C-alpha atoms as a PDB file:
ATOM      1  CA  UNK A   1     -15.222  14.584  -2.571  1.00  0.00           C
ATOM      2  CA  UNK A   2     -14.519  17.807  -0.650  1.00  0.00           C
ATOM      3  CA  UNK A   3     -15.782  16.383   2.655  1.00  0.00           C
ATOM      4  CA  UNK A   4     -14.136  12.987   2.202  1.00  0.00           C
ATOM      5  CA  UNK A   5     -10.728  13.994   3.528  1.00  0.00           C
ATOM      6  CA  UNK A   6     -12.351  15.317   6.706  1.00  0.00           C
ATOM      7  CA  UNK A   7     -14.477  12.167   7.090  1.00  0.00           C
ATOM      8  CA  UNK A   8     -11.474   9.853   6.796  1.00  0.00           C
ATOM      9  CA  UNK A   9      -9.275  11.970   9.061  1.00  0.00           C
ATOM     10  CA  UNK A  10     -12.020  12.057  11.689  1.00  0.00           C
ATOM     11  CA  UNK A  11     -12.449   8.289  11.375  1.00  0.00           C
ATOM     12  CA  UNK A  12      -8.715   7.821  11.896  1.00  0.00           C
ATOM     13  CA  UNK A  13      -8.675  10.283  14.811  1.00  0.00           C
ATOM     14  CA  UNK A  14     -11.577   8.563  16.564  1.00  0.00           C
ATOM     15  CA  UNK A  15     -10.134   5.090  15.990  1.00  0.00           C
ATOM     16  CA  UNK A  16      -6.766   5.979  17.497  1.00  0.00           C
ATOM     17  CA  UNK A  17      -8.344   7.778  20.442  1.00  0.00           C
ATOM     18  CA  UNK A  18     -10.627   4.833  21.214  1.00  0.00           C
ATOM     19  CA  UNK A  19      -7.759   2.349  20.878  1.00  0.00           C
ATOM     20  CA  UNK A  20      -5.934   3.931  23.794  1.00  0.00           C
ATOM     21  CA  UNK A  21      -2.788   4.188  21.677  1.00  0.00           C
ATOM     22  CA  UNK A  22      -1.144   7.375  20.570  1.00  0.00           C
ATOM     23  CA  UNK A  23       0.563   7.228  17.196  1.00  0.00           C
ATOM     24  CA  UNK A  24      -0.007   6.457  13.529  1.00  0.00           C
ATOM     25  CA  UNK A  25       2.815   4.575  11.772  1.00  0.00           C
ATOM     26  CA  UNK A  26       2.891   4.624   7.965  1.00  0.00           C
ATOM     27  CA  UNK A  27       5.353   3.322   5.408  1.00  0.00           C
ATOM     28  CA  UNK A  28       5.868   5.923   2.678  1.00  0.00           C
ATOM     29  CA  UNK A  29       6.804   4.391  -0.659  1.00  0.00           C
ATOM     30  CA  UNK A  30       6.865   7.441  -2.904  1.00  0.00           C
ATOM     31  CA  UNK A  31       3.494   6.511  -4.422  1.00  0.00           C
ATOM     32  CA  UNK A  32       0.204   8.360  -4.288  1.00  0.00           C
ATOM     33  CA  UNK A  33      -1.584   5.885  -1.977  1.00  0.00           C
ATOM     34  CA  UNK A  34       0.888   6.171   0.900  1.00  0.00           C
ATOM     35  CA  UNK A  35       1.162   9.925   0.338  1.00  0.00           C
ATOM     36  CA  UNK A  36      -2.599  10.328   0.723  1.00  0.00           C
ATOM     37  CA  UNK A  37      -2.813   8.073   3.783  1.00  0.00           C
ATOM     38  CA  UNK A  38       0.074   9.763   5.584  1.00  0.00           C
ATOM     39  CA  UNK A  39      -1.400  13.198   4.867  1.00  0.00           C
ATOM     40  CA  UNK A  40      -4.810  12.133   6.171  1.00  0.00           C
ATOM     41  CA  UNK A  41      -3.132  10.873   9.344  1.00  0.00           C
ATOM     42  CA  UNK A  42      -1.194  14.128   9.666  1.00  0.00           C
ATOM     43  CA  UNK A  43      -4.416  16.125   9.420  1.00  0.00           C
ATOM     44  CA  UNK A  44      -5.818  14.418  12.521  1.00  0.00           C
ATOM     45  CA  UNK A  45      -3.394  16.476  14.613  1.00  0.00           C
ATOM     46  CA  UNK A  46      -2.298  13.279  16.387  1.00  0.00           C
ATOM     47  CA  UNK A  47       1.257  11.977  16.452  1.00  0.00           C
ATOM     48  CA  UNK A  48       2.207  10.523  13.079  1.00  0.00           C
ATOM     49  CA  UNK A  49       5.412   8.677  12.220  1.00  0.00           C
ATOM     50  CA  UNK A  50       6.259   8.177   8.547  1.00  0.00           C
ATOM     51  CA  UNK A  51       8.987   5.744   7.505  1.00  0.00           C
ATOM     52  CA  UNK A  52      10.996   5.612   4.324  1.00  0.00           C
ATOM     53  CA  UNK A  53      12.380   2.052   4.100  1.00  0.00           C
ATOM     54  CA  UNK A  54      14.562   1.492   1.015  1.00  0.00           C
ATOM     55  CA  UNK A  55      15.715  -2.048   0.281  1.00  0.00           C
ATOM     56  CA  UNK A  56      17.889  -2.033  -2.841  1.00  0.00           C
ATOM     57  CA  UNK A  57      15.396   0.578  -4.004  1.00  0.00           C
ATOM     58  CA  UNK A  58      15.440   2.630  -7.185  1.00  0.00           C
ATOM     59  CA  UNK A  59      16.604   6.239  -6.606  1.00  0.00           C
ATOM     60  CA  UNK A  60      13.398   7.585  -8.182  1.00  0.00           C
ATOM     61  CA  UNK A  61      11.218   5.806  -5.605  1.00  0.00           C
ATOM     62  CA  UNK A  62      13.469   6.696  -2.677  1.00  0.00           C
ATOM     63  CA  UNK A  63      13.615  10.291  -3.869  1.00  0.00           C
ATOM     64  CA  UNK A  64       9.848  10.677  -4.024  1.00  0.00           C
ATOM     65  CA  UNK A  65       9.484   9.093  -0.595  1.00  0.00           C
ATOM     66  CA  UNK A  66      12.062  11.477   0.861  1.00  0.00           C
ATOM     67  CA  UNK A  67      10.353  14.406  -0.846  1.00  0.00           C
ATOM     68  CA  UNK A  68       6.968  13.576   0.641  1.00  0.00           C
ATOM     69  CA  UNK A  69       8.363  12.939   4.126  1.00  0.00           C
ATOM     70  CA  UNK A  70      10.172  16.279   4.048  1.00  0.00           C
ATOM     71  CA  UNK A  71       7.113  18.201   2.866  1.00  0.00           C
ATOM     72  CA  UNK A  72       4.910  16.513   5.449  1.00  0.00           C
ATOM     73  CA  UNK A  73       7.207  17.246   8.389  1.00  0.00           C
ATOM     74  CA  UNK A  74       7.576  20.862   7.290  1.00  0.00           C
ATOM     75  CA  UNK A  75       3.817  21.344   7.077  1.00  0.00           C
ATOM     76  CA  UNK A  76       2.629  19.415  10.148  1.00  0.00           C
ATOM     77  CA  UNK A  77       4.239  19.755  13.566  1.00  0.00           C
ATOM     78  CA  UNK A  78       2.737  16.432  14.694  1.00  0.00           C
ATOM     79  CA  UNK A  79       4.615  14.483  12.004  1.00  0.00           C
ATOM     80  CA  UNK A  80       8.066  12.970  12.403  1.00  0.00           C
ATOM     81  CA  UNK A  81       9.939  10.942   9.832  1.00  0.00           C
ATOM     82  CA  UNK A  82      12.649   8.297   9.758  1.00  0.00           C
ATOM     83  CA  UNK A  83      14.666   6.722   6.966  1.00  0.00           C
ATOM     84  CA  UNK A  84      15.651   3.146   7.733  1.00  0.00           C
ATOM     85  CA  UNK A  85      17.710   1.540   4.979  1.00  0.00           C
ATOM     86  CA  UNK A  86      17.125  -2.179   5.384  1.00  0.00           C
ATOM     87  CA  UNK A  87      19.276  -3.230   2.426  1.00  0.00           C
ATOM     88  CA  UNK A  88      22.055  -4.788   4.511  1.00  0.00           C
ATOM     89  CA  UNK A  89      19.587  -6.635   6.732  1.00  0.00           C
ATOM     90  CA  UNK A  90      17.721  -7.936   3.684  1.00  0.00           C
ATOM     91  CA  UNK A  91      20.890  -9.047   1.903  1.00  0.00           C
ATOM     92  CA  UNK A  92      22.000 -10.839   5.068  1.00  0.00           C
ATOM     93  CA  UNK A  93      18.629 -12.580   5.250  1.00  0.00           C
ATOM     94  CA  UNK A  94      18.933 -13.731   1.627  1.00  0.00           C
ATOM     95  CA  UNK A  95      22.440 -15.055   2.231  1.00  0.00           C
ATOM     96  CA  UNK A  96      21.143 -17.066   5.162  1.00  0.00           C
ATOM     97  CA  UNK A  97      18.267 -18.728   3.318  1.00  0.00           C
ATOM     98  CA  UNK A  98      19.166 -19.079  -0.353  1.00  0.00           C
ATOM     99  CA  UNK A  99      21.933 -21.630   0.292  1.00  0.00           C
ATOM    100  CA  UNK A 100      19.298 -23.912   1.801  1.00  0.00           C
ATOM    101  CA  UNK A 101      16.135 -22.976  -0.095  1.00  0.00           C
ATOM    102  CA  UNK A 102      17.388 -21.753  -3.465  1.00  0.00           C
ATOM    103  CA  UNK A 103      16.592 -18.459  -5.163  1.00  0.00           C
ATOM    104  CA  UNK A 104      13.282 -17.039  -6.334  1.00  0.00           C
ATOM    105  CA  UNK A 105      12.728 -13.502  -7.582  1.00  0.00           C
ATOM    106  CA  UNK A 106       9.085 -13.628  -6.466  1.00  0.00           C
ATOM    107  CA  UNK A 107      10.043 -14.842  -2.995  1.00  0.00           C
ATOM    108  CA  UNK A 108      12.676 -12.092  -2.769  1.00  0.00           C
ATOM    109  CA  UNK A 109      10.156  -9.415  -3.786  1.00  0.00           C
ATOM    110  CA  UNK A 110       7.586 -10.574  -1.247  1.00  0.00           C
ATOM    111  CA  UNK A 111      10.260 -10.847   1.442  1.00  0.00           C
ATOM    112  CA  UNK A 112      11.095  -7.162   0.958  1.00  0.00           C
ATOM    113  CA  UNK A 113       7.473  -6.270   1.705  1.00  0.00           C
ATOM    114  CA  UNK A 114       7.464  -8.527   4.767  1.00  0.00           C
ATOM    115  CA  UNK A 115      10.677  -7.018   6.098  1.00  0.00           C
ATOM    116  CA  UNK A 116       9.137  -3.562   5.804  1.00  0.00           C
ATOM    117  CA  UNK A 117       6.099  -4.838   7.686  1.00  0.00           C
ATOM    118  CA  UNK A 118       8.369  -6.021  10.502  1.00  0.00           C
ATOM    119  CA  UNK A 119      10.000  -2.594  10.688  1.00  0.00           C
ATOM    120  CA  UNK A 120       6.615  -0.857  10.811  1.00  0.00           C
ATOM    121  CA  UNK A 121       5.390  -3.064  13.652  1.00  0.00           C
ATOM    122  CA  UNK A 122       8.657  -2.623  15.521  1.00  0.00           C
ATOM    123  CA  UNK A 123       8.179   1.130  15.233  1.00  0.00           C
ATOM    124  CA  UNK A 124       4.541   0.820  16.304  1.00  0.00           C
ATOM    125  CA  UNK A 125       5.466  -1.238  19.376  1.00  0.00           C
ATOM    126  CA  UNK A 126       8.088   1.303  20.407  1.00  0.00           C
ATOM    127  CA  UNK A 127       5.759   4.262  19.933  1.00  0.00           C
ATOM    128  CA  UNK A 128       2.452   2.834  21.192  1.00  0.00           C
ATOM    129  CA  UNK A 129       1.177   3.098  17.656  1.00  0.00           C
ATOM    130  CA  UNK A 130      -0.911   1.391  15.005  1.00  0.00           C
ATOM    131  CA  UNK A 131       0.219   0.511  11.494  1.00  0.00           C
ATOM    132  CA  UNK A 132      -1.928   2.246   8.894  1.00  0.00           C
ATOM    133  CA  UNK A 133      -2.523   0.473   5.579  1.00  0.00           C
ATOM    134  CA  UNK A 134      -2.136   2.165   2.212  1.00  0.00           C
ATOM    135  CA  UNK A 135      -3.988  -0.266  -0.078  1.00  0.00           C
ATOM    136  CA  UNK A 136      -6.831   0.944  -2.291  1.00  0.00           C
ATOM    137  CA  UNK A 137     -10.050  -0.852  -3.222  1.00  0.00           C
ATOM    138  CA  UNK A 138      -8.809  -2.488  -6.417  1.00  0.00           C
ATOM    139  CA  UNK A 139      -5.646  -3.783  -4.748  1.00  0.00           C
ATOM    140  CA  UNK A 140      -7.264  -4.971  -1.528  1.00  0.00           C
ATOM    141  CA  UNK A 141     -10.583  -6.357  -2.772  1.00  0.00           C
ATOM    142  CA  UNK A 142     -10.315  -6.651  -6.544  1.00  0.00           C
ATOM    143  CA  UNK A 143      -7.070  -8.229  -7.716  1.00  0.00           C
ATOM    144  CA  UNK A 144      -5.274  -8.819  -4.398  1.00  0.00           C
ATOM    145  CA  UNK A 145      -2.220  -6.913  -5.582  1.00  0.00           C
ATOM    146  CA  UNK A 146      -0.279  -6.895  -2.345  1.00  0.00           C
ATOM    147  CA  UNK A 147       1.967  -9.175  -0.317  1.00  0.00           C
ATOM    148  CA  UNK A 148       0.246 -11.367   2.242  1.00  0.00           C
ATOM    149  CA  UNK A 149       1.681 -10.486   5.663  1.00  0.00           C
ATOM    150  CA  UNK A 150       3.699  -7.766   3.936  1.00  0.00           C
ATOM    151  CA  UNK A 151       1.975  -4.541   2.909  1.00  0.00           C
ATOM    152  CA  UNK A 152      -1.232  -6.478   3.628  1.00  0.00           C
ATOM    153  CA  UNK A 153      -0.263  -6.669   7.314  1.00  0.00           C
ATOM    154  CA  UNK A 154      -1.865  -3.577   8.837  1.00  0.00           C
ATOM    155  CA  UNK A 155      -4.168  -2.484  11.664  1.00  0.00           C
ATOM    156  CA  UNK A 156      -6.486  -0.082   9.816  1.00  0.00           C
ATOM    157  CA  UNK A 157      -7.187   0.602   6.135  1.00  0.00           C
ATOM    158  CA  UNK A 158      -8.460   4.142   5.532  1.00  0.00           C
ATOM    159  CA  UNK A 159      -8.534   4.088   1.704  1.00  0.00           C
ATOM    160  CA  UNK A 160      -9.454   0.441   1.094  1.00  0.00           C
ATOM    161  CA  UNK A 161     -12.910   1.494  -0.105  1.00  0.00           C
ATOM    162  CA  UNK A 162     -11.541   4.086  -2.544  1.00  0.00           C
ATOM    163  CA  UNK A 163     -10.591   3.385  -6.151  1.00  0.00           C
ATOM    164  CA  UNK A 164      -7.276   4.623  -7.534  1.00  0.00           C
ATOM    165  CA  UNK A 165      -9.166   7.343  -9.385  1.00  0.00           C
ATOM    166  CA  UNK A 166     -10.699   8.543  -6.117  1.00  0.00           C
ATOM    167  CA  UNK A 167      -7.308   8.383  -4.383  1.00  0.00           C
ATOM    168  CA  UNK A 168      -5.706  10.551  -7.074  1.00  0.00           C
ATOM    169  CA  UNK A 169      -8.543  13.058  -6.798  1.00  0.00           C
ATOM    170  CA  UNK A 170      -8.129  13.150  -3.044  1.00  0.00           C
ATOM    171  CA  UNK A 171      -4.363  13.607  -3.458  1.00  0.00           C
ATOM    172  CA  UNK A 172      -4.951  16.819  -5.402  1.00  0.00           C
ATOM    173  CA  UNK A 173      -7.273  18.126  -2.690  1.00  0.00           C
ATOM    174  CA  UNK A 174      -4.648  17.305  -0.073  1.00  0.00           C
ATOM    175  CA  UNK A 175      -2.022  19.123  -2.170  1.00  0.00           C
ATOM    176  CA  UNK A 176       0.211  16.077  -2.511  1.00  0.00           C
ATOM    177  CA  UNK A 177       3.237  16.900  -4.658  1.00  0.00           C
ATOM    178  CA  UNK A 178       2.244  16.648  -8.364  1.00  0.00           C
ATOM    179  CA  UNK A 179       5.336  14.532  -9.096  1.00  0.00           C
ATOM    180  CA  UNK A 180       4.005  11.848  -6.753  1.00  0.00           C
ATOM    181  CA  UNK A 181       0.502  12.000  -8.223  1.00  0.00           C
ATOM    182  CA  UNK A 182       1.872  11.673 -11.759  1.00  0.00           C
ATOM    183  CA  UNK A 183       4.359   8.875 -10.991  1.00  0.00           C
ATOM    184  CA  UNK A 184       3.456   5.512 -12.581  1.00  0.00           C
ATOM    185  CA  UNK A 185       2.219   3.161  -9.814  1.00  0.00           C
ATOM    186  CA  UNK A 186       4.847   0.594  -8.850  1.00  0.00           C
ATOM    187  CA  UNK A 187       5.372  -1.686  -5.869  1.00  0.00           C
ATOM    188  CA  UNK A 188       9.127  -1.052  -6.026  1.00  0.00           C
ATOM    189  CA  UNK A 189       9.918  -4.661  -5.143  1.00  0.00           C
ATOM    190  CA  UNK A 190      11.743  -5.662  -8.319  1.00  0.00           C
ATOM    191  CA  UNK A 191      15.210  -4.947  -9.690  1.00  0.00           C
ATOM    192  CA  UNK A 192      13.831  -3.526 -12.941  1.00  0.00           C
ATOM    193  CA  UNK A 193      11.447  -0.605 -13.390  1.00  0.00           C
ATOM    194  CA  UNK A 194       8.272  -2.628 -13.949  1.00  0.00           C
ATOM    195  CA  UNK A 195       5.059  -0.795 -13.119  1.00  0.00           C
ATOM    196  CA  UNK A 196       1.881  -2.196 -11.583  1.00  0.00           C
ATOM    197  CA  UNK A 197       0.191  -1.992 -14.972  1.00  0.00           C
ATOM    198  CA  UNK A 198       2.973  -4.018 -16.602  1.00  0.00           C
ATOM    199  CA  UNK A 199       2.753  -6.673 -13.894  1.00  0.00           C
ATOM    200  CA  UNK A 200      -1.035  -6.953 -14.007  1.00  0.00           C
ATOM    201  CA  UNK A 201      -1.674  -6.341 -17.693  1.00  0.00           C
ATOM    202  CA  UNK A 202      -4.273  -3.607 -17.192  1.00  0.00           C
ATOM    203  CA  UNK A 203      -4.429  -0.079 -15.810  1.00  0.00           C
ATOM    204  CA  UNK A 204      -6.144   0.753 -12.527  1.00  0.00           C
ATOM    205  CA  UNK A 205      -8.852   2.589 -14.460  1.00  0.00           C
ATOM    206  CA  UNK A 206      -9.529  -0.549 -16.507  1.00  0.00           C
ATOM    207  CA  UNK A 207      -9.567  -2.720 -13.395  1.00  0.00           C
ATOM    208  CA  UNK A 208     -12.019  -0.327 -11.721  1.00  0.00           C
ATOM    209  CA  UNK A 209     -14.294  -0.772 -14.728  1.00  0.00           C
ATOM    210  CA  UNK A 210     -13.975  -4.580 -14.569  1.00  0.00           C
ATOM    211  CA  UNK A 211     -14.722  -4.562 -10.843  1.00  0.00           C
ATOM    212  CA  UNK A 212     -17.959  -2.648 -11.344  1.00  0.00           C
ATOM    213  CA  UNK A 213     -19.117  -3.677 -14.815  1.00  0.00           C
ATOM    214  CA  UNK A 214     -22.478  -5.296 -15.426  1.00  0.00           C
ATOM    215  CA  UNK A 215     -22.007  -5.590 -19.170  1.00  0.00           C
ATOM    216  CA  UNK A 216     -22.491  -9.002 -20.725  1.00  0.00           C
ATOM    217  CA  UNK A 217     -19.391 -10.334 -22.542  1.00  0.00           C
ATOM    218  CA  UNK A 218     -21.189 -10.241 -25.888  1.00  0.00           C
ATOM    219  CA  UNK A 219     -21.670  -6.484 -25.498  1.00  0.00           C
ATOM    220  CA  UNK A 220     -17.996  -5.802 -24.780  1.00  0.00           C
ATOM    221  CA  UNK A 221     -15.193  -4.690 -27.048  1.00  0.00           C
ATOM    222  CA  UNK A 222     -12.197  -6.944 -27.487  1.00  0.00           C
ATOM    223  CA  UNK A 223     -10.140  -4.935 -24.987  1.00  0.00           C
ATOM    224  CA  UNK A 224     -12.965  -4.955 -22.453  1.00  0.00           C
ATOM    225  CA  UNK A 225     -13.171  -8.748 -22.620  1.00  0.00           C
ATOM    226  CA  UNK A 226      -9.389  -8.947 -22.234  1.00  0.00           C
ATOM    227  CA  UNK A 227      -9.423  -6.669 -19.173  1.00  0.00           C
ATOM    228  CA  UNK A 228     -12.286  -8.615 -17.601  1.00  0.00           C
ATOM    229  CA  UNK A 229     -10.319 -11.835 -18.067  1.00  0.00           C
ATOM    230  CA  UNK A 230      -7.248 -10.243 -16.441  1.00  0.00           C
ATOM    231  CA  UNK A 231      -9.350  -9.053 -13.517  1.00  0.00           C
ATOM    232  CA  UNK A 232     -11.008 -12.439 -13.007  1.00  0.00           C
ATOM    233  CA  UNK A 233      -7.660 -14.235 -13.235  1.00  0.00           C
ATOM    234  CA  UNK A 234      -6.069 -12.155 -10.471  1.00  0.00           C
ATOM    235  CA  UNK A 235      -9.231 -12.117  -8.382  1.00  0.00           C
ATOM    236  CA  UNK A 236      -9.353 -15.924  -8.390  1.00  0.00           C
ATOM    237  CA  UNK A 237      -5.611 -16.490  -8.013  1.00  0.00           C
ATOM    238  CA  UNK A 238      -5.316 -14.089  -5.080  1.00  0.00           C
ATOM    239  CA  UNK A 239      -8.568 -14.981  -3.342  1.00  0.00           C
ATOM    240  CA  UNK A 240      -6.553 -16.611  -0.538  1.00  0.00           C
ATOM    241  CA  UNK A 241      -5.340 -13.117   0.411  1.00  0.00           C
ATOM    242  CA  UNK A 242      -8.737 -11.451   0.321  1.00  0.00           C
ATOM    243  CA  UNK A 243     -10.813 -14.142   2.014  1.00  0.00           C
ATOM    244  CA  UNK A 244     -10.646 -15.186   5.670  1.00  0.00           C
ATOM    245  CA  UNK A 245      -8.131 -17.921   6.474  1.00  0.00           C
ATOM    246  CA  UNK A 246      -9.825 -21.344   6.238  1.00  0.00           C
ATOM    247  CA  UNK A 247     -10.358 -22.941   9.639  1.00  0.00           C
ATOM    248  CA  UNK A 248     -11.058 -26.595  10.292  1.00  0.00           C
ATOM    249  CA  UNK A 249     -14.152 -26.743  12.514  1.00  0.00           C
ATOM    250  CA  UNK A 250     -14.640 -29.505  15.051  1.00  0.00           C
ATOM    251  CA  UNK A 251     -17.943 -31.295  14.588  1.00  0.00           C
ATOM    252  CA  UNK A 252     -18.974 -31.619  18.222  1.00  0.00           C
END
């Protein structure tokens, strides 16, 4: 794994140079994935803008995001950070639509992710930048655990071929703050403190196993069969996110 951080940083460096643009833009959530991605971008030596974007966010998540942004800007001269609290804008948006469309906690959660995506692309447009994705392999290609056109709306995905286990290992090599590495993964989109594992019904380690397993169901333990069923359920339900958009083709 020792050479992986250099490989990814070089890949990011070369991509940005070839694009003719000049800045990486990353949303920092307080989780290990965004911490790793932002650090890899910082290590390219190219301009990197990290954004902390609370929307009715829990203090623990906002605090970890602020901590990482501070540590990154202190360590790397090419990194700048901004905190944009979009709570008022989001609440105004809800007021404008719920009277006509009703309320939905799921729709509200996904709308938070999409508002953050809009902020990231606004920042990218104003800084000649690209939006860098923070999804890992299980989220992006296994269970589709992200918001379509929200945190799934990005220009490049440097860790989308890495499992959560590999991301955590890389985080230690990059000297990401141990509090961030140890924090339970959460999307931070809900009013309660639900974690990713509570939402999905399986840990990332279990989902990694399900994604790679070749065991026949009859050779599995009861928990293994349960995890495989969870994985297959989310993989099927969220396939519309992970597959190309269907296009009607003219028969000419």
